[in-house]
């Protein structure tokens, strides 16, 4: 009964349910939107992202990060990656990544894909 009441209350205030995450769809988005600058295994224009989940920001070996990202100090998790993909410069002022992934669903799916690669 409480679940129904909570769902009704959230609906009444306009809260949308969280979007499901789909790593398979995230792989497709990654391969079509991110691969121009990123690889999973090697640094390119952007750092390799196959091991980004759980890695401290600005520390992938051999990549020339901006001072802002080197000093960010956080560890990449789902919440931080989603904020980053929403607006890198707002999340880490001074970051140089110009790309934003505008769709919340695409962001969540890409994050799910990157998380699925964690060993």
PDB file of N, CA and C in Angstrom:
ATOM      1  N   UNK A   1       0.821  -1.193   0.000  1.00  0.00           N
ATOM      2  CA  UNK A   1       0.000   0.000   0.000  1.00  0.00           C
ATOM      3  C   UNK A   1       0.866   1.258   0.000  1.00  0.00           C
ATOM      4  N   UNK A   2       1.960   1.226   0.783  1.00  0.00           N
ATOM      5  CA  UNK A   2       2.855   2.380   0.833  1.00  0.00           C
ATOM      6  C   UNK A   2       3.473   2.665  -0.532  1.00  0.00           C
ATOM      7  N   UNK A   3       3.818   1.602  -1.262  1.00  0.00           N
ATOM      8  CA  UNK A   3       4.415   1.765  -2.584  1.00  0.00           C
ATOM      9  C   UNK A   3       3.458   2.483  -3.519  1.00  0.00           C
ATOM     10  N   UNK A   4       2.204   2.091  -3.480  1.00  0.00           N
ATOM     11  CA  UNK A   4       1.197   2.719  -4.334  1.00  0.00           C
ATOM     12  C   UNK A   4       1.032   4.185  -3.944  1.00  0.00           C
ATOM     13  N   UNK A   5       0.978   4.457  -2.643  1.00  0.00           N
ATOM     14  CA  UNK A   5       0.836   5.837  -2.178  1.00  0.00           C
ATOM     15  C   UNK A   5       2.042   6.674  -2.586  1.00  0.00           C
ATOM     16  N   UNK A   6       3.252   6.108  -2.471  1.00  0.00           N
ATOM     17  CA  UNK A   6       4.457   6.834  -2.864  1.00  0.00           C
ATOM     18  C   UNK A   6       4.450   7.108  -4.363  1.00  0.00           C
ATOM     19  N   UNK A   7       4.091   6.113  -5.161  1.00  0.00           N
ATOM     20  CA  UNK A   7       4.031   6.299  -6.608  1.00  0.00           C
ATOM     21  C   UNK A   7       3.008   7.371  -6.975  1.00  0.00           C
ATOM     22  N   UNK A   8       1.878   7.366  -6.319  1.00  0.00           N
ATOM     23  CA  UNK A   8       0.848   8.373  -6.579  1.00  0.00           C
ATOM     24  C   UNK A   8       1.333   9.759  -6.189  1.00  0.00           C
ATOM     25  N   UNK A   9       2.034   9.844  -5.066  1.00  0.00           N
ATOM     26  CA  UNK A   9       2.559  11.142  -4.619  1.00  0.00           C
ATOM     27  C   UNK A   9       3.600  11.669  -5.601  1.00  0.00           C
ATOM     28  N   UNK A  10       4.475  10.801  -6.059  1.00  0.00           N
ATOM     29  CA  UNK A  10       5.490  11.225  -7.035  1.00  0.00           C
ATOM     30  C   UNK A  10       4.845  11.655  -8.347  1.00  0.00           C
ATOM     31  N   UNK A  11       3.857  10.922  -8.779  1.00  0.00           N
ATOM     32  CA  UNK A  11       3.157  11.283 -10.005  1.00  0.00           C
ATOM     33  C   UNK A  11       2.466  12.628  -9.858  1.00  0.00           C
ATOM     34  N   UNK A  12       1.906  12.883  -8.679  1.00  0.00           N
ATOM     35  CA  UNK A  12       1.192  14.136  -8.435  1.00  0.00           C
ATOM     36  C   UNK A  12       2.119  15.342  -8.497  1.00  0.00           C
ATOM     37  N   UNK A  13       3.368  15.169  -8.072  1.00  0.00           N
ATOM     38  CA  UNK A  13       4.301  16.311  -8.115  1.00  0.00           C
ATOM     39  C   UNK A  13       5.100  16.346  -9.407  1.00  0.00           C
ATOM     40  N   UNK A  14       4.832  15.401 -10.301  1.00  0.00           N
ATOM     41  CA  UNK A  14       5.478  15.431 -11.604  1.00  0.00           C
ATOM     42  C   UNK A  14       6.834  14.762 -11.650  1.00  0.00           C
ATOM     43  N   UNK A  15       7.146  13.938 -10.677  1.00  0.00           N
ATOM     44  CA  UNK A  15       8.427  13.233 -10.687  1.00  0.00           C
ATOM     45  C   UNK A  15       8.349  12.084 -11.679  1.00  0.00           C
ATOM     46  N   UNK A  16       9.303  12.048 -12.575  1.00  0.00           N
ATOM     47  CA  UNK A  16       9.337  10.981 -13.573  1.00  0.00           C
ATOM     48  C   UNK A  16      10.109   9.796 -13.016  1.00  0.00           C
ATOM     49  N   UNK A  17       9.717   8.585 -13.379  1.00  0.00           N
ATOM     50  CA  UNK A  17      10.484   7.430 -12.934  1.00  0.00           C
ATOM     51  C   UNK A  17      11.855   7.438 -13.595  1.00  0.00           C
ATOM     52  N   UNK A  18      12.833   6.853 -12.934  1.00  0.00           N
ATOM     53  CA  UNK A  18      14.182   6.791 -13.485  1.00  0.00           C
ATOM     54  C   UNK A  18      14.152   5.981 -14.773  1.00  0.00           C
ATOM     55  N   UNK A  19      14.928   6.419 -15.732  1.00  0.00           N
ATOM     56  CA  UNK A  19      15.016   5.696 -16.994  1.00  0.00           C
ATOM     57  C   UNK A  19      15.829   4.434 -16.793  1.00  0.00           C
ATOM     58  N   UNK A  20      15.399   3.369 -17.421  1.00  0.00           N
ATOM     59  CA  UNK A  20      16.140   2.120 -17.348  1.00  0.00           C
ATOM     60  C   UNK A  20      17.465   2.275 -18.080  1.00  0.00           C
ATOM     61  N   UNK A  21      18.445   1.521 -17.640  1.00  0.00           N
ATOM     62  CA  UNK A  21      19.748   1.551 -18.282  1.00  0.00           C
ATOM     63  C   UNK A  21      19.901   0.303 -19.142  1.00  0.00           C
ATOM     64  N   UNK A  22      20.442   0.476 -20.337  1.00  0.00           N
ATOM     65  CA  UNK A  22      20.619  -0.629 -21.265  1.00  0.00           C
ATOM     66  C   UNK A  22      22.033  -0.555 -21.823  1.00  0.00           C
ATOM     67  N   UNK A  23      22.909  -1.429 -21.337  1.00  0.00           N
ATOM     68  CA  UNK A  23      24.311  -1.422 -21.766  1.00  0.00           C
ATOM     69  C   UNK A  23      24.447  -1.693 -23.264  1.00  0.00           C
ATOM     70  N   UNK A  24      23.568  -2.526 -23.820  1.00  0.00           N
ATOM     71  CA  UNK A  24      23.619  -2.812 -25.251  1.00  0.00           C
ATOM     72  C   UNK A  24      23.350  -1.564 -26.081  1.00  0.00           C
ATOM     73  N   UNK A  25      22.349  -0.796 -25.670  1.00  0.00           N
ATOM     74  CA  UNK A  25      22.060   0.467 -26.350  1.00  0.00           C
ATOM     75  C   UNK A  25      23.196   1.459 -26.110  1.00  0.00           C
ATOM     76  N   UNK A  26      23.779   1.405 -24.902  1.00  0.00           N
ATOM     77  CA  UNK A  26      24.907   2.280 -24.599  1.00  0.00           C
ATOM     78  C   UNK A  26      26.104   1.998 -25.492  1.00  0.00           C
ATOM     79  N   UNK A  27      26.348   0.739 -25.786  1.00  0.00           N
ATOM     80  CA  UNK A  27      27.445   0.370 -26.694  1.00  0.00           C
ATOM     81  C   UNK A  27      27.201   0.972 -28.074  1.00  0.00           C
ATOM     82  N   UNK A  28      25.958   0.897 -28.529  1.00  0.00           N
ATOM     83  CA  UNK A  28      25.613   1.470 -29.844  1.00  0.00           C
ATOM     84  C   UNK A  28      25.841   2.976 -29.852  1.00  0.00           C
ATOM     85  N   UNK A  29      25.425   3.655 -28.790  1.00  0.00           N
ATOM     86  CA  UNK A  29      25.642   5.107 -28.700  1.00  0.00           C
ATOM     87  C   UNK A  29      27.138   5.395 -28.647  1.00  0.00           C
ATOM     88  N   UNK A  30      27.871   4.651 -27.825  1.00  0.00           N
ATOM     89  CA  UNK A  30      29.314   4.856 -27.727  1.00  0.00           C
ATOM     90  C   UNK A  30      29.970   4.712 -29.095  1.00  0.00           C
ATOM     91  N   UNK A  31      29.605   3.660 -29.812  1.00  0.00           N
ATOM     92  CA  UNK A  31      30.217   3.391 -31.111  1.00  0.00           C
ATOM     93  C   UNK A  31      29.826   4.417 -32.176  1.00  0.00           C
ATOM     94  N   UNK A  32      28.710   5.080 -31.997  1.00  0.00           N
ATOM     95  CA  UNK A  32      28.300   6.067 -33.000  1.00  0.00           C
ATOM     96  C   UNK A  32      28.620   7.508 -32.607  1.00  0.00           C
ATOM     97  N   UNK A  33      28.715   7.802 -31.311  1.00  0.00           N
ATOM     98  CA  UNK A  33      28.870   9.188 -30.882  1.00  0.00           C
ATOM     99  C   UNK A  33      30.200   9.484 -30.189  1.00  0.00           C
ATOM    100  N   UNK A  34      30.817   8.469 -29.591  1.00  0.00           N
ATOM    101  CA  UNK A  34      32.008   8.701 -28.762  1.00  0.00           C
ATOM    102  C   UNK A  34      33.303   8.248 -29.427  1.00  0.00           C
ATOM    103  N   UNK A  35      33.181   7.281 -30.318  1.00  0.00           N
ATOM    104  CA  UNK A  35      34.353   6.616 -30.890  1.00  0.00           C
ATOM    105  C   UNK A  35      35.215   7.560 -31.741  1.00  0.00           C
ATOM    106  N   UNK A  36      34.665   8.680 -32.168  1.00  0.00           N
ATOM    107  CA  UNK A  36      35.460   9.640 -32.932  1.00  0.00           C
ATOM    108  C   UNK A  36      36.635  10.185 -32.135  1.00  0.00           C
ATOM    109  N   UNK A  37      36.489  10.237 -30.826  1.00  0.00           N
ATOM    110  CA  UNK A  37      37.556  10.764 -29.960  1.00  0.00           C
ATOM    111  C   UNK A  37      38.095   9.741 -28.966  1.00  0.00           C
ATOM    112  N   UNK A  38      37.293   8.737 -28.639  1.00  0.00           N
ATOM    113  CA  UNK A  38      37.672   7.775 -27.603  1.00  0.00           C
ATOM    114  C   UNK A  38      37.712   6.359 -28.154  1.00  0.00           C
ATOM    115  N   UNK A  39      38.601   5.572 -27.574  1.00  0.00           N
ATOM    116  CA  UNK A  39      38.678   4.142 -27.794  1.00  0.00           C
ATOM    117  C   UNK A  39      38.484   3.493 -26.431  1.00  0.00           C
ATOM    118  N   UNK A  40      38.258   2.215 -26.409  1.00  0.00           N
ATOM    119  CA  UNK A  40      38.180   1.532 -25.129  1.00  0.00           C
ATOM    120  C   UNK A  40      39.575   1.210 -24.600  1.00  0.00           C
ATOM    121  N   UNK A  41      40.523   0.926 -25.523  1.00  0.00           N
ATOM    122  CA  UNK A  41      41.827   0.412 -25.103  1.00  0.00           C
ATOM    123  C   UNK A  41      42.994   1.380 -25.238  1.00  0.00           C
ATOM    124  N   UNK A  42      42.892   2.360 -26.136  1.00  0.00           N
ATOM    125  CA  UNK A  42      44.032   3.256 -26.358  1.00  0.00           C
ATOM    126  C   UNK A  42      43.598   4.713 -26.282  1.00  0.00           C
ATOM    127  N   UNK A  43      44.528   5.543 -25.862  1.00  0.00           N
ATOM    128  CA  UNK A  43      44.267   6.986 -25.849  1.00  0.00           C
ATOM    129  C   UNK A  43      44.233   7.494 -27.276  1.00  0.00           C
ATOM    130  N   UNK A  44      43.320   8.384 -27.534  1.00  0.00           N
ATOM    131  CA  UNK A  44      43.205   9.033 -28.838  1.00  0.00           C
ATOM    132  C   UNK A  44      43.136  10.527 -28.562  1.00  0.00           C
ATOM    133  N   UNK A  45      42.208  11.237 -29.187  1.00  0.00           N
ATOM    134  CA  UNK A  45      41.987  12.649 -28.857  1.00  0.00           C
ATOM    135  C   UNK A  45      41.570  12.753 -27.399  1.00  0.00           C
ATOM    136  N   UNK A  46      40.767  11.786 -26.961  1.00  0.00           N
ATOM    137  CA  UNK A  46      40.372  11.654 -25.562  1.00  0.00           C
ATOM    138  C   UNK A  46      40.981  10.395 -24.988  1.00  0.00           C
ATOM    139  N   UNK A  47      40.949  10.246 -23.676  1.00  0.00           N
ATOM    140  CA  UNK A  47      41.549   9.068 -23.053  1.00  0.00           C
ATOM    141  C   UNK A  47      40.765   7.786 -23.338  1.00  0.00           C
ATOM    142  N   UNK A  48      41.449   6.651 -23.221  1.00  0.00           N
ATOM    143  CA  UNK A  48      40.800   5.353 -23.343  1.00  0.00           C
ATOM    144  C   UNK A  48      39.750   5.219 -22.231  1.00  0.00           C
ATOM    145  N   UNK A  49      38.605   4.658 -22.567  1.00  0.00           N
ATOM    146  CA  UNK A  49      37.500   4.607 -21.609  1.00  0.00           C
ATOM    147  C   UNK A  49      37.111   3.207 -21.151  1.00  0.00           C
ATOM    148  N   UNK A  50      37.815   2.191 -21.593  1.00  0.00           N
ATOM    149  CA  UNK A  50      37.475   0.830 -21.202  1.00  0.00           C
ATOM    150  C   UNK A  50      37.609   0.571 -19.709  1.00  0.00           C
ATOM    151  N   UNK A  51      38.462   1.347 -19.054  1.00  0.00           N
ATOM    152  CA  UNK A  51      38.667   1.180 -17.609  1.00  0.00           C
ATOM    153  C   UNK A  51      38.320   2.448 -16.838  1.00  0.00           C
ATOM    154  N   UNK A  52      37.489   3.298 -17.398  1.00  0.00           N
ATOM    155  CA  UNK A  52      37.174   4.575 -16.753  1.00  0.00           C
ATOM    156  C   UNK A  52      36.380   4.385 -15.464  1.00  0.00           C
ATOM    157  N   UNK A  53      35.503   3.390 -15.421  1.00  0.00           N
ATOM    158  CA  UNK A  53      34.648   3.193 -14.256  1.00  0.00           C
ATOM    159  C   UNK A  53      35.498   2.782 -13.064  1.00  0.00           C
ATOM    160  N   UNK A  54      35.457   3.573 -12.009  1.00  0.00           N
ATOM    161  CA  UNK A  54      36.242   3.300 -10.818  1.00  0.00           C
ATOM    162  C   UNK A  54      37.637   3.904 -10.844  1.00  0.00           C
ATOM    163  N   UNK A  55      37.998   4.578 -11.920  1.00  0.00           N
ATOM    164  CA  UNK A  55      39.325   5.198 -12.044  1.00  0.00           C
ATOM    165  C   UNK A  55      39.272   6.638 -11.554  1.00  0.00           C
ATOM    166  N   UNK A  56      40.332   7.086 -10.931  1.00  0.00           N
ATOM    167  CA  UNK A  56      40.426   8.477 -10.495  1.00  0.00           C
ATOM    168  C   UNK A  56      40.524   9.366 -11.740  1.00  0.00           C
ATOM    169  N   UNK A  57      39.791  10.451 -11.737  1.00  0.00           N
ATOM    170  CA  UNK A  57      39.786  11.385 -12.880  1.00  0.00           C
ATOM    171  C   UNK A  57      41.191  11.892 -13.162  1.00  0.00           C
ATOM    172  N   UNK A  58      41.509  12.000 -14.452  1.00  0.00           N
ATOM    173  CA  UNK A  58      42.777  12.582 -14.866  1.00  0.00           C
ATOM    174  C   UNK A  58      43.990  11.702 -14.663  1.00  0.00           C
ATOM    175  N   UNK A  59      43.789  10.378 -14.592  1.00  0.00           N
ATOM    176  CA  UNK A  59      44.930   9.511 -14.284  1.00  0.00           C
ATOM    177  C   UNK A  59      45.188   8.390 -15.276  1.00  0.00           C
ATOM    178  N   UNK A  60      44.503   8.325 -16.396  1.00  0.00           N
ATOM    179  CA  UNK A  60      44.792   7.252 -17.345  1.00  0.00           C
ATOM    180  C   UNK A  60      46.209   7.443 -17.878  1.00  0.00           C
ATOM    181  N   UNK A  61      47.066   6.449 -17.745  1.00  0.00           N
ATOM    182  CA  UNK A  61      48.467   6.602 -18.148  1.00  0.00           C
ATOM    183  C   UNK A  61      48.622   7.036 -19.606  1.00  0.00           C
ATOM    184  N   UNK A  62      49.521   7.986 -19.809  1.00  0.00           N
ATOM    185  CA  UNK A  62      49.871   8.411 -21.158  1.00  0.00           C
ATOM    186  C   UNK A  62      48.958   9.434 -21.800  1.00  0.00           C
ATOM    187  N   UNK A  63      47.910   9.857 -21.101  1.00  0.00           N
ATOM    188  CA  UNK A  63      47.025  10.857 -21.694  1.00  0.00           C
ATOM    189  C   UNK A  63      47.322  12.226 -21.097  1.00  0.00           C
ATOM    190  N   UNK A  64      47.338  13.246 -21.940  1.00  0.00           N
ATOM    191  CA  UNK A  64      47.611  14.621 -21.504  1.00  0.00           C
ATOM    192  C   UNK A  64      46.349  15.341 -21.067  1.00  0.00           C
ATOM    193  N   UNK A  65      45.968  15.175 -19.828  1.00  0.00           N
ATOM    194  CA  UNK A  65      44.757  15.791 -19.294  1.00  0.00           C
ATOM    195  C   UNK A  65      44.942  17.285 -19.047  1.00  0.00           C
ATOM    196  N   UNK A  66      43.840  18.000 -19.029  1.00  0.00           N
ATOM    197  CA  UNK A  66      43.848  19.407 -18.633  1.00  0.00           C
ATOM    198  C   UNK A  66      44.193  19.482 -17.147  1.00  0.00           C
ATOM    199  N   UNK A  67      44.787  20.593 -16.718  1.00  0.00           N
ATOM    200  CA  UNK A  67      45.069  20.746 -15.286  1.00  0.00           C
ATOM    201  C   UNK A  67      43.801  20.579 -14.432  1.00  0.00           C
ATOM    202  N   UNK A  68      42.674  21.069 -14.925  1.00  0.00           N
ATOM    203  CA  UNK A  68      41.423  20.970 -14.158  1.00  0.00           C
ATOM    204  C   UNK A  68      41.049  19.516 -13.903  1.00  0.00           C
ATOM    205  N   UNK A  69      41.166  18.670 -14.896  1.00  0.00           N
ATOM    206  CA  UNK A  69      40.789  17.274 -14.719  1.00  0.00           C
ATOM    207  C   UNK A  69      41.821  16.523 -13.879  1.00  0.00           C
ATOM    208  N   UNK A  70      43.098  16.868 -14.036  1.00  0.00           N
ATOM    209  CA  UNK A  70      44.141  16.258 -13.205  1.00  0.00           C
ATOM    210  C   UNK A  70      43.897  16.545 -11.727  1.00  0.00           C
ATOM    211  N   UNK A  71      43.371  17.724 -11.436  1.00  0.00           N
ATOM    212  CA  UNK A  71      43.158  18.152 -10.051  1.00  0.00           C
ATOM    213  C   UNK A  71      41.749  17.863  -9.528  1.00  0.00           C
ATOM    214  N   UNK A  72      40.884  17.301 -10.367  1.00  0.00           N
ATOM    215  CA  UNK A  72      39.490  17.085  -9.961  1.00  0.00           C
ATOM    216  C   UNK A  72      39.375  16.186  -8.730  1.00  0.00           C
ATOM    217  N   UNK A  73      40.175  15.139  -8.659  1.00  0.00           N
ATOM    218  CA  UNK A  73      40.236  14.316  -7.460  1.00  0.00           C
ATOM    219  C   UNK A  73      39.148  13.269  -7.276  1.00  0.00           C
ATOM    220  N   UNK A  74      38.110  13.290  -8.092  1.00  0.00           N
ATOM    221  CA  UNK A  74      37.032  12.312  -7.886  1.00  0.00           C
ATOM    222  C   UNK A  74      37.329  11.005  -8.619  1.00  0.00           C
ATOM    223  N   UNK A  75      36.580   9.985  -8.255  1.00  0.00           N
ATOM    224  CA  UNK A  75      36.633   8.688  -8.921  1.00  0.00           C
ATOM    225  C   UNK A  75      35.374   8.577  -9.773  1.00  0.00           C
ATOM    226  N   UNK A  76      35.540   8.101 -10.997  1.00  0.00           N
ATOM    227  CA  UNK A  76      34.405   7.999 -11.918  1.00  0.00           C
ATOM    228  C   UNK A  76      33.451   6.888 -11.477  1.00  0.00           C
ATOM    229  N   UNK A  77      32.219   7.288 -11.191  1.00  0.00           N
ATOM    230  CA  UNK A  77      31.132   6.356 -10.905  1.00  0.00           C
ATOM    231  C   UNK A  77      29.962   6.749 -11.803  1.00  0.00           C
ATOM    232  N   UNK A  78      28.844   6.069 -11.666  1.00  0.00           N
ATOM    233  CA  UNK A  78      27.698   6.328 -12.549  1.00  0.00           C
ATOM    234  C   UNK A  78      27.221   7.769 -12.456  1.00  0.00           C
ATOM    235  N   UNK A  79      27.090   8.279 -11.255  1.00  0.00           N
ATOM    236  CA  UNK A  79      26.582   9.644 -11.076  1.00  0.00           C
ATOM    237  C   UNK A  79      27.533  10.672 -11.696  1.00  0.00           C
ATOM    238  N   UNK A  80      28.822  10.513 -11.449  1.00  0.00           N
ATOM    239  CA  UNK A  80      29.793  11.487 -11.968  1.00  0.00           C
ATOM    240  C   UNK A  80      29.910  11.413 -13.486  1.00  0.00           C
ATOM    241  N   UNK A  81      29.890  10.198 -14.032  1.00  0.00           N
ATOM    242  CA  UNK A  81      29.960  10.070 -15.492  1.00  0.00           C
ATOM    243  C   UNK A  81      28.735  10.686 -16.157  1.00  0.00           C
ATOM    244  N   UNK A  82      27.572  10.507 -15.554  1.00  0.00           N
ATOM    245  CA  UNK A  82      26.368  11.099 -16.143  1.00  0.00           C
ATOM    246  C   UNK A  82      26.433  12.627 -16.095  1.00  0.00           C
ATOM    247  N   UNK A  83      26.893  13.181 -14.977  1.00  0.00           N
ATOM    248  CA  UNK A  83      27.049  14.642 -14.888  1.00  0.00           C
ATOM    249  C   UNK A  83      28.067  15.130 -15.902  1.00  0.00           C
ATOM    250  N   UNK A  84      29.155  14.406 -16.045  1.00  0.00           N
ATOM    251  CA  UNK A  84      30.196  14.763 -17.006  1.00  0.00           C
ATOM    252  C   UNK A  84      29.626  14.794 -18.425  1.00  0.00           C
ATOM    253  N   UNK A  85      28.905  13.762 -18.804  1.00  0.00           N
ATOM    254  CA  UNK A  85      28.353  13.690 -20.150  1.00  0.00           C
ATOM    255  C   UNK A  85      27.273  14.736 -20.392  1.00  0.00           C
ATOM    256  N   UNK A  86      26.633  15.204 -19.325  1.00  0.00           N
ATOM    257  CA  UNK A  86      25.631  16.259 -19.452  1.00  0.00           C
ATOM    258  C   UNK A  86      26.279  17.583 -19.811  1.00  0.00           C
ATOM    259  N   UNK A  87      27.380  17.918 -19.114  1.00  0.00           N
ATOM    260  CA  UNK A  87      28.068  19.188 -19.357  1.00  0.00           C
ATOM    261  C   UNK A  87      29.446  19.141 -18.685  1.00  0.00           C
ATOM    262  N   UNK A  88      30.465  18.699 -19.434  1.00  0.00           N
ATOM    263  CA  UNK A  88      31.791  18.543 -18.840  1.00  0.00           C
ATOM    264  C   UNK A  88      32.336  19.808 -18.175  1.00  0.00           C
ATOM    265  N   UNK A  89      32.168  20.957 -18.814  1.00  0.00           N
ATOM    266  CA  UNK A  89      32.718  22.204 -18.265  1.00  0.00           C
ATOM    267  C   UNK A  89      32.004  22.655 -16.999  1.00  0.00           C
ATOM    268  N   UNK A  90      30.731  22.355 -16.878  1.00  0.00           N
ATOM    269  CA  UNK A  90      30.011  22.699 -15.654  1.00  0.00           C
ATOM    270  C   UNK A  90      30.419  21.761 -14.518  1.00  0.00           C
ATOM    271  N   UNK A  91      30.654  20.502 -14.851  1.00  0.00           N
ATOM    272  CA  UNK A  91      31.025  19.526 -13.827  1.00  0.00           C
ATOM    273  C   UNK A  91      32.468  19.731 -13.354  1.00  0.00           C
ATOM    274  N   UNK A  92      33.375  19.980 -14.297  1.00  0.00           N
ATOM    275  CA  UNK A  92      34.780  20.249 -13.962  1.00  0.00           C
ATOM    276  C   UNK A  92      35.176  21.527 -14.699  1.00  0.00           C
ATOM    277  N   UNK A  93      34.990  22.679 -14.074  1.00  0.00           N
ATOM    278  CA  UNK A  93      35.371  23.941 -14.733  1.00  0.00           C
ATOM    279  C   UNK A  93      36.840  23.911 -15.169  1.00  0.00           C
ATOM    280  N   UNK A  94      37.047  24.275 -16.433  1.00  0.00           N
ATOM    281  CA  UNK A  94      38.394  24.232 -16.994  1.00  0.00           C
ATOM    282  C   UNK A  94      38.652  22.978 -17.812  1.00  0.00           C
ATOM    283  N   UNK A  95      37.704  22.037 -17.810  1.00  0.00           N
ATOM    284  CA  UNK A  95      37.837  20.838 -18.638  1.00  0.00           C
ATOM    285  C   UNK A  95      37.755  21.246 -20.105  1.00  0.00           C
ATOM    286  N   UNK A  96      38.391  20.465 -20.966  1.00  0.00           N
ATOM    287  CA  UNK A  96      38.430  20.858 -22.375  1.00  0.00           C
ATOM    288  C   UNK A  96      37.549  20.010 -23.288  1.00  0.00           C
ATOM    289  N   UNK A  97      36.875  19.020 -22.774  1.00  0.00           N
ATOM    290  CA  UNK A  97      36.003  18.205 -23.639  1.00  0.00           C
ATOM    291  C   UNK A  97      34.809  19.047 -24.074  1.00  0.00           C
ATOM    292  N   UNK A  98      34.641  19.252 -25.388  1.00  0.00           N
ATOM    293  CA  UNK A  98      33.557  20.110 -25.867  1.00  0.00           C
ATOM    294  C   UNK A  98      32.227  19.388 -26.063  1.00  0.00           C
ATOM    295  N   UNK A  99      32.231  18.078 -26.056  1.00  0.00           N
ATOM    296  CA  UNK A  99      31.053  17.289 -26.396  1.00  0.00           C
ATOM    297  C   UNK A  99      30.118  17.115 -25.203  1.00  0.00           C
ATOM    298  N   UNK A 100      28.823  17.211 -25.470  1.00  0.00           N
ATOM    299  CA  UNK A 100      27.784  16.913 -24.477  1.00  0.00           C
ATOM    300  C   UNK A 100      26.845  15.887 -25.085  1.00  0.00           C
ATOM    301  N   UNK A 101      26.388  14.986 -24.270  1.00  0.00           N
ATOM    302  CA  UNK A 101      25.418  13.997 -24.717  1.00  0.00           C
ATOM    303  C   UNK A 101      24.073  14.444 -24.169  1.00  0.00           C
ATOM    304  N   UNK A 102      23.252  15.056 -25.028  1.00  0.00           N
ATOM    305  CA  UNK A 102      22.039  15.740 -24.599  1.00  0.00           C
ATOM    306  C   UNK A 102      20.916  14.870 -24.079  1.00  0.00           C
ATOM    307  N   UNK A 103      20.832  13.645 -24.542  1.00  0.00           N
ATOM    308  CA  UNK A 103      19.732  12.767 -24.152  1.00  0.00           C
ATOM    309  C   UNK A 103      20.043  12.053 -22.836  1.00  0.00           C
ATOM    310  N   UNK A 104      19.155  12.210 -21.855  1.00  0.00           N
ATOM    311  CA  UNK A 104      19.340  11.530 -20.573  1.00  0.00           C
ATOM    312  C   UNK A 104      19.381  10.018 -20.760  1.00  0.00           C
ATOM    313  N   UNK A 105      18.533   9.500 -21.624  1.00  0.00           N
ATOM    314  CA  UNK A 105      18.502   8.061 -21.875  1.00  0.00           C
ATOM    315  C   UNK A 105      19.841   7.597 -22.465  1.00  0.00           C
ATOM    316  N   UNK A 106      20.365   8.337 -23.425  1.00  0.00           N
ATOM    317  CA  UNK A 106      21.660   7.965 -24.010  1.00  0.00           C
ATOM    318  C   UNK A 106      22.773   8.031 -22.968  1.00  0.00           C
ATOM    319  N   UNK A 107      22.758   9.067 -22.127  1.00  0.00           N
ATOM    320  CA  UNK A 107      23.781   9.167 -21.078  1.00  0.00           C
ATOM    321  C   UNK A 107      23.729   7.959 -20.152  1.00  0.00           C
ATOM    322  N   UNK A 108      22.539   7.621 -19.684  1.00  0.00           N
ATOM    323  CA  UNK A 108      22.401   6.485 -18.764  1.00  0.00           C
ATOM    324  C   UNK A 108      22.844   5.181 -19.432  1.00  0.00           C
ATOM    325  N   UNK A 109      22.525   5.030 -20.702  1.00  0.00           N
ATOM    326  CA  UNK A 109      22.908   3.815 -21.408  1.00  0.00           C
ATOM    327  C   UNK A 109      24.418   3.740 -21.628  1.00  0.00           C
ATOM    328  N   UNK A 110      25.048   4.856 -21.973  1.00  0.00           N
ATOM    329  CA  UNK A 110      26.506   4.866 -22.141  1.00  0.00           C
ATOM    330  C   UNK A 110      27.179   4.561 -20.807  1.00  0.00           C
ATOM    331  N   UNK A 111      26.692   5.145 -19.736  1.00  0.00           N
ATOM    332  CA  UNK A 111      27.254   4.873 -18.413  1.00  0.00           C
ATOM    333  C   UNK A 111      27.096   3.390 -18.075  1.00  0.00           C
ATOM    334  N   UNK A 112      25.939   2.816 -18.365  1.00  0.00           N
ATOM    335  CA  UNK A 112      25.721   1.381 -18.116  1.00  0.00           C
ATOM    336  C   UNK A 112      26.704   0.544 -18.935  1.00  0.00           C
ATOM    337  N   UNK A 113      26.949   0.943 -20.164  1.00  0.00           N
ATOM    338  CA  UNK A 113      27.913   0.232 -21.012  1.00  0.00           C
ATOM    339  C   UNK A 113      29.315   0.317 -20.422  1.00  0.00           C
ATOM    340  N   UNK A 114      29.744   1.511 -20.052  1.00  0.00           N
ATOM    341  CA  UNK A 114      31.084   1.669 -19.476  1.00  0.00           C
ATOM    342  C   UNK A 114      31.210   0.892 -18.171  1.00  0.00           C
ATOM    343  N   UNK A 115      30.144   0.863 -17.381  1.00  0.00           N
ATOM    344  CA  UNK A 115      30.163   0.111 -16.128  1.00  0.00           C
ATOM    345  C   UNK A 115      30.262  -1.387 -16.407  1.00  0.00           C
ATOM    346  N   UNK A 116      29.629  -1.844 -17.472  1.00  0.00           N
ATOM    347  CA  UNK A 116      29.657  -3.283 -17.802  1.00  0.00           C
ATOM    348  C   UNK A 116      31.057  -3.746 -18.190  1.00  0.00           C
ATOM    349  N   UNK A 117      31.928  -2.830 -18.558  1.00  0.00           N
ATOM    350  CA  UNK A 117      33.298  -3.184 -18.965  1.00  0.00           C
ATOM    351  C   UNK A 117      34.228  -3.374 -17.776  1.00  0.00           C
ATOM    352  N   UNK A 118      33.779  -2.908 -16.598  1.00  0.00           N
ATOM    353  CA  UNK A 118      34.623  -3.012 -15.401  1.00  0.00           C
ATOM    354  C   UNK A 118      34.856  -4.483 -15.065  1.00  0.00           C
ATOM    355  N   UNK A 119      36.089  -4.816 -14.851  1.00  0.00           N
ATOM    356  CA  UNK A 119      36.431  -6.212 -14.571  1.00  0.00           C
ATOM    357  C   UNK A 119      36.376  -6.504 -13.099  1.00  0.00           C
TER     358      UNK A 119
END
